[in-house]
Amino acid sequence: MSGIIAVLRVRGEIGIKPQIKTTLDLMKLHRKHRLILLKNTPSNKGMIDKVKDYCTFGEVDQETIIKLLSERGRLPGNNRLTEKYVKDKTKLSIKDFSENFILGKSGLKDIEGLKKFFKLHPPIGGFERLGIKKPFTRGGVLGYRGKEMNKLVQKMI
């Protein structure tokens, strides 16, 4: 894994262990169909490994990050993130900011007031796999999916 990792929660809260619920809360994944973007660090990998039975994750490209920020980025009061707001706060366009974000030169916290998670719709056409209780490697939805994460996120925006 390299670059920016998108973590998407696909399962609900029923029957979840308290330790895993705490980790999901720390990651701001309070509900189903919430997505966060993380840098690929050992501490983030440890948290992702702990919640792998409730989430799916993989690398995302710049195009997906631009689409997430422009269409699903939210400010306090549930206001949309706009190009003008990003320019006021970071002196960069959304495209330039996403490029810096991938390179590690900036983070989501640089856009003051931006919520650290993205609320997404359920995927159009469904998850197209056997179920949300099986790992991706066995035909399910959960766990590491690599570059396939881009397709799933595009279906949910």
C-alpha atoms as a PDB file:
ATOM      1  CA  MET A   1       0.000   0.000   0.000  1.00  0.00           C
ATOM      2  CA  SER A   2       1.219   3.477  -0.767  1.00  0.00           C
ATOM      3  CA  GLY A   3       0.005   7.076  -0.848  1.00  0.00           C
ATOM      4  CA  ILE A   4      -3.457   7.928   0.423  1.00  0.00           C
ATOM      5  CA  ILE A   5      -5.751   5.197   1.704  1.00  0.00           C
ATOM      6  CA  ALA A   6      -9.539   5.546   1.668  1.00  0.00           C
ATOM      7  CA  VAL A   7     -11.341   3.669   4.463  1.00  0.00           C
ATOM      8  CA  LEU A   8     -15.072   3.071   3.994  1.00  0.00           C
ATOM      9  CA  ARG A   9     -17.349   1.631   6.662  1.00  0.00           C
ATOM     10  CA  VAL A  10     -19.782  -0.913   5.199  1.00  0.00           C
ATOM     11  CA  ARG A  11     -21.241  -2.603   8.294  1.00  0.00           C
ATOM     12  CA  GLY A  12     -23.388  -1.253  11.118  1.00  0.00           C
ATOM     13  CA  GLU A  13     -23.034  -1.295  14.896  1.00  0.00           C
ATOM     14  CA  ILE A  14     -24.987  -4.356  16.012  1.00  0.00           C
ATOM     15  CA  GLY A  15     -22.813  -6.921  17.803  1.00  0.00           C
ATOM     16  CA  ILE A  16     -19.619  -4.887  17.549  1.00  0.00           C
ATOM     17  CA  LYS A  17     -16.917  -5.248  20.223  1.00  0.00           C
ATOM     18  CA  PRO A  18     -16.285  -2.123  22.340  1.00  0.00           C
ATOM     19  CA  GLN A  19     -12.600  -1.982  21.332  1.00  0.00           C
ATOM     20  CA  ILE A  20     -13.471  -1.958  17.637  1.00  0.00           C
ATOM     21  CA  LYS A  21     -16.257   0.600  18.168  1.00  0.00           C
ATOM     22  CA  THR A  22     -13.774   2.897  19.925  1.00  0.00           C
ATOM     23  CA  THR A  23     -11.348   2.604  17.015  1.00  0.00           C
ATOM     24  CA  LEU A  24     -14.110   3.361  14.493  1.00  0.00           C
ATOM     25  CA  ASP A  25     -15.142   6.394  16.553  1.00  0.00           C
ATOM     26  CA  LEU A  26     -11.537   7.627  16.662  1.00  0.00           C
ATOM     27  CA  MET A  27     -11.418   7.317  12.880  1.00  0.00           C
ATOM     28  CA  LYS A  28     -14.710   9.319  12.608  1.00  0.00           C
ATOM     29  CA  LEU A  29     -16.479   6.347  11.029  1.00  0.00           C
ATOM     30  CA  HIS A  30     -19.626   6.609  13.164  1.00  0.00           C
ATOM     31  CA  ARG A  31     -22.086   5.194  10.593  1.00  0.00           C
ATOM     32  CA  LYS A  32     -22.285   3.068   7.467  1.00  0.00           C
ATOM     33  CA  HIS A  33     -21.177   4.614   4.155  1.00  0.00           C
ATOM     34  CA  ARG A  34     -18.775   7.078   5.772  1.00  0.00           C
ATOM     35  CA  LEU A  35     -15.333   7.454   4.220  1.00  0.00           C
ATOM     36  CA  ILE A  36     -12.075   8.896   5.529  1.00  0.00           C
ATOM     37  CA  LEU A  37      -8.758   9.547   3.812  1.00  0.00           C
ATOM     38  CA  LEU A  38      -5.598   8.529   5.678  1.00  0.00           C
ATOM     39  CA  LYS A  39      -1.901   8.722   4.978  1.00  0.00           C
ATOM     40  CA  ASN A  40      -0.123   5.387   4.809  1.00  0.00           C
ATOM     41  CA  THR A  41       1.633   5.303   8.196  1.00  0.00           C
ATOM     42  CA  PRO A  42       2.259   2.390  10.587  1.00  0.00           C
ATOM     43  CA  SER A  43      -0.184   3.751  13.190  1.00  0.00           C
ATOM     44  CA  ASN A  44      -2.930   4.173  10.581  1.00  0.00           C
ATOM     45  CA  LYS A  45      -2.229   0.666   9.257  1.00  0.00           C
ATOM     46  CA  GLY A  46      -2.695  -0.693  12.787  1.00  0.00           C
ATOM     47  CA  MET A  47      -6.075   1.018  13.148  1.00  0.00           C
ATOM     48  CA  ILE A  48      -7.184  -0.162   9.708  1.00  0.00           C
ATOM     49  CA  ASP A  49      -6.134  -3.720  10.556  1.00  0.00           C
ATOM     50  CA  LYS A  50      -8.253  -3.605  13.710  1.00  0.00           C
ATOM     51  CA  VAL A  51     -11.431  -2.547  11.843  1.00  0.00           C
ATOM     52  CA  LYS A  52     -10.940  -4.613   8.668  1.00  0.00           C
ATOM     53  CA  ASP A  53     -14.017  -6.740   9.471  1.00  0.00           C
ATOM     54  CA  TYR A  54     -16.281  -3.682   9.325  1.00  0.00           C
ATOM     55  CA  CYS A  55     -14.617  -1.630   6.570  1.00  0.00           C
ATOM     56  CA  THR A  56     -13.148  -1.844   3.123  1.00  0.00           C
ATOM     57  CA  PHE A  57     -10.035   0.110   2.170  1.00  0.00           C
ATOM     58  CA  GLY A  58      -7.601   0.770  -0.639  1.00  0.00           C
ATOM     59  CA  GLU A  59      -5.557   3.391  -2.455  1.00  0.00           C
ATOM     60  CA  VAL A  60      -7.305   6.249  -4.213  1.00  0.00           C
ATOM     61  CA  ASP A  61      -6.040   8.404  -7.063  1.00  0.00           C
ATOM     62  CA  GLN A  62      -6.059  12.173  -7.476  1.00  0.00           C
ATOM     63  CA  GLU A  63      -9.200  12.192  -9.638  1.00  0.00           C
ATOM     64  CA  THR A  64     -11.207  10.463  -6.896  1.00  0.00           C
ATOM     65  CA  ILE A  65      -9.898  12.844  -4.215  1.00  0.00           C
ATOM     66  CA  ILE A  66     -10.837  15.880  -6.339  1.00  0.00           C
ATOM     67  CA  LYS A  67     -14.348  14.497  -6.854  1.00  0.00           C
ATOM     68  CA  LEU A  68     -14.718  13.701  -3.130  1.00  0.00           C
ATOM     69  CA  LEU A  69     -13.639  17.176  -2.051  1.00  0.00           C
ATOM     70  CA  SER A  70     -15.730  19.062  -4.601  1.00  0.00           C
ATOM     71  CA  GLU A  71     -18.938  17.003  -4.344  1.00  0.00           C
ATOM     72  CA  ARG A  72     -18.904  15.564  -0.807  1.00  0.00           C
ATOM     73  CA  GLY A  73     -16.659  17.925   1.166  1.00  0.00           C
ATOM     74  CA  ARG A  74     -18.652  19.626   3.944  1.00  0.00           C
ATOM     75  CA  LEU A  75     -18.074  22.615   6.217  1.00  0.00           C
ATOM     76  CA  PRO A  76     -19.821  23.423   9.515  1.00  0.00           C
ATOM     77  CA  GLY A  77     -23.561  23.852   9.034  1.00  0.00           C
ATOM     78  CA  ASN A  78     -23.465  21.168   6.314  1.00  0.00           C
ATOM     79  CA  ASN A  79     -22.353  23.773   3.763  1.00  0.00           C
ATOM     80  CA  ARG A  80     -20.576  22.534   0.640  1.00  0.00           C
ATOM     81  CA  LEU A  81     -16.853  22.950   0.168  1.00  0.00           C
ATOM     82  CA  THR A  82     -16.287  25.375  -2.708  1.00  0.00           C
ATOM     83  CA  GLU A  83     -13.302  26.208  -4.888  1.00  0.00           C
ATOM     84  CA  LYS A  84     -13.398  29.784  -3.542  1.00  0.00           C
ATOM     85  CA  TYR A  85     -13.271  28.604   0.089  1.00  0.00           C
ATOM     86  CA  VAL A  86     -10.272  26.349  -0.595  1.00  0.00           C
ATOM     87  CA  LYS A  87      -8.465  29.224  -2.364  1.00  0.00           C
ATOM     88  CA  ASP A  88      -9.142  31.556   0.583  1.00  0.00           C
ATOM     89  CA  LYS A  89      -7.783  29.090   3.141  1.00  0.00           C
ATOM     90  CA  THR A  90      -4.892  27.429   1.281  1.00  0.00           C
ATOM     91  CA  LYS A  91      -4.133  29.726  -1.696  1.00  0.00           C
ATOM     92  CA  LEU A  92      -4.532  26.632  -3.935  1.00  0.00           C
ATOM     93  CA  SER A  93      -7.252  25.269  -6.185  1.00  0.00           C
ATOM     94  CA  ILE A  94      -8.885  21.960  -5.252  1.00  0.00           C
ATOM     95  CA  LYS A  95      -6.817  20.227  -7.947  1.00  0.00           C
ATOM     96  CA  ASP A  96      -3.516  21.662  -6.675  1.00  0.00           C
ATOM     97  CA  PHE A  97      -4.493  20.947  -3.075  1.00  0.00           C
ATOM     98  CA  SER A  98      -5.282  17.305  -3.878  1.00  0.00           C
ATOM     99  CA  GLU A  99      -1.916  16.964  -5.619  1.00  0.00           C
ATOM    100  CA  ASN A 100      -0.135  18.319  -2.514  1.00  0.00           C
ATOM    101  CA  PHE A 101      -2.274  16.058  -0.316  1.00  0.00           C
ATOM    102  CA  ILE A 102      -1.171  12.949  -2.235  1.00  0.00           C
ATOM    103  CA  LEU A 103       2.475  14.039  -2.047  1.00  0.00           C
ATOM    104  CA  GLY A 104       2.158  14.600   1.720  1.00  0.00           C
ATOM    105  CA  LYS A 105       2.846  18.347   1.581  1.00  0.00           C
ATOM    106  CA  SER A 106      -0.568  19.221   3.028  1.00  0.00           C
ATOM    107  CA  GLY A 107      -3.407  17.587   4.914  1.00  0.00           C
ATOM    108  CA  LEU A 108      -7.173  17.911   5.200  1.00  0.00           C
ATOM    109  CA  LYS A 109      -6.636  19.940   8.390  1.00  0.00           C
ATOM    110  CA  ASP A 110      -5.143  22.725   6.230  1.00  0.00           C
ATOM    111  CA  ILE A 111      -8.665  23.530   5.017  1.00  0.00           C
ATOM    112  CA  GLU A 112     -10.029  25.126   8.164  1.00  0.00           C
ATOM    113  CA  GLY A 113     -13.461  23.804   9.146  1.00  0.00           C
ATOM    114  CA  LEU A 114     -13.531  20.893   6.683  1.00  0.00           C
ATOM    115  CA  LYS A 115     -15.129  17.791   8.172  1.00  0.00           C
ATOM    116  CA  LYS A 116     -12.650  14.897   8.252  1.00  0.00           C
ATOM    117  CA  PHE A 117     -15.142  12.360   6.878  1.00  0.00           C
ATOM    118  CA  PHE A 118     -17.300  12.147   3.774  1.00  0.00           C
ATOM    119  CA  LYS A 119     -20.932  11.013   3.798  1.00  0.00           C
ATOM    120  CA  LEU A 120     -21.598   8.824   0.760  1.00  0.00           C
ATOM    121  CA  HIS A 121     -24.670   7.219  -0.804  1.00  0.00           C
ATOM    122  CA  PRO A 122     -24.987   3.436  -0.943  1.00  0.00           C
ATOM    123  CA  PRO A 123     -23.311   2.247  -4.172  1.00  0.00           C
ATOM    124  CA  ILE A 124     -25.395   2.521  -7.333  1.00  0.00           C
ATOM    125  CA  GLY A 125     -26.150  -1.027  -8.433  1.00  0.00           C
ATOM    126  CA  GLY A 126     -25.112  -2.452  -5.065  1.00  0.00           C
ATOM    127  CA  PHE A 127     -21.747  -3.785  -3.949  1.00  0.00           C
ATOM    128  CA  GLU A 128     -21.811  -6.346  -6.837  1.00  0.00           C
ATOM    129  CA  ARG A 129     -20.244  -8.993  -4.619  1.00  0.00           C
ATOM    130  CA  LEU A 130     -21.527 -11.872  -2.474  1.00  0.00           C
ATOM    131  CA  GLY A 131     -21.997  -9.952   0.763  1.00  0.00           C
ATOM    132  CA  ILE A 132     -20.748  -7.550   3.358  1.00  0.00           C
ATOM    133  CA  LYS A 133     -19.606 -10.274   5.742  1.00  0.00           C
ATOM    134  CA  LYS A 134     -16.914 -11.832   3.531  1.00  0.00           C
ATOM    135  CA  PRO A 135     -13.457 -10.518   2.655  1.00  0.00           C
ATOM    136  CA  PHE A 136     -12.804  -9.054  -0.783  1.00  0.00           C
ATOM    137  CA  THR A 137     -10.360 -11.852  -1.598  1.00  0.00           C
ATOM    138  CA  ARG A 138     -13.160 -14.418  -1.179  1.00  0.00           C
ATOM    139  CA  GLY A 139     -15.765 -12.573  -3.228  1.00  0.00           C
ATOM    140  CA  GLY A 140     -17.104 -10.287  -0.502  1.00  0.00           C
ATOM    141  CA  VAL A 141     -16.770  -6.595   0.240  1.00  0.00           C
ATOM    142  CA  LEU A 142     -14.615  -6.292   3.379  1.00  0.00           C
ATOM    143  CA  GLY A 143     -10.886  -5.704   3.678  1.00  0.00           C
ATOM    144  CA  TYR A 144      -8.186  -4.541   1.297  1.00  0.00           C
ATOM    145  CA  ARG A 145      -9.237  -3.952  -2.311  1.00  0.00           C
ATOM    146  CA  GLY A 146      -6.331  -1.949  -3.736  1.00  0.00           C
ATOM    147  CA  LYS A 147      -7.048   0.198  -6.797  1.00  0.00           C
ATOM    148  CA  GLU A 148     -10.597  -1.221  -7.002  1.00  0.00           C
ATOM    149  CA  MET A 149     -11.426   1.277  -4.234  1.00  0.00           C
ATOM    150  CA  ASN A 150     -11.581   4.049  -6.861  1.00  0.00           C
ATOM    151  CA  LYS A 151     -14.444   2.319  -8.699  1.00  0.00           C
ATOM    152  CA  LEU A 152     -16.432   1.800  -5.493  1.00  0.00           C
ATOM    153  CA  VAL A 153     -16.012   5.396  -4.332  1.00  0.00           C
ATOM    154  CA  GLN A 154     -17.021   6.711  -7.786  1.00  0.00           C
ATOM    155  CA  LYS A 155     -20.237   4.636  -7.556  1.00  0.00           C
ATOM    156  CA  MET A 156     -21.014   6.093  -4.134  1.00  0.00           C
ATOM    157  CA  ILE A 157     -20.402   9.793  -4.826  1.00  0.00           C
END
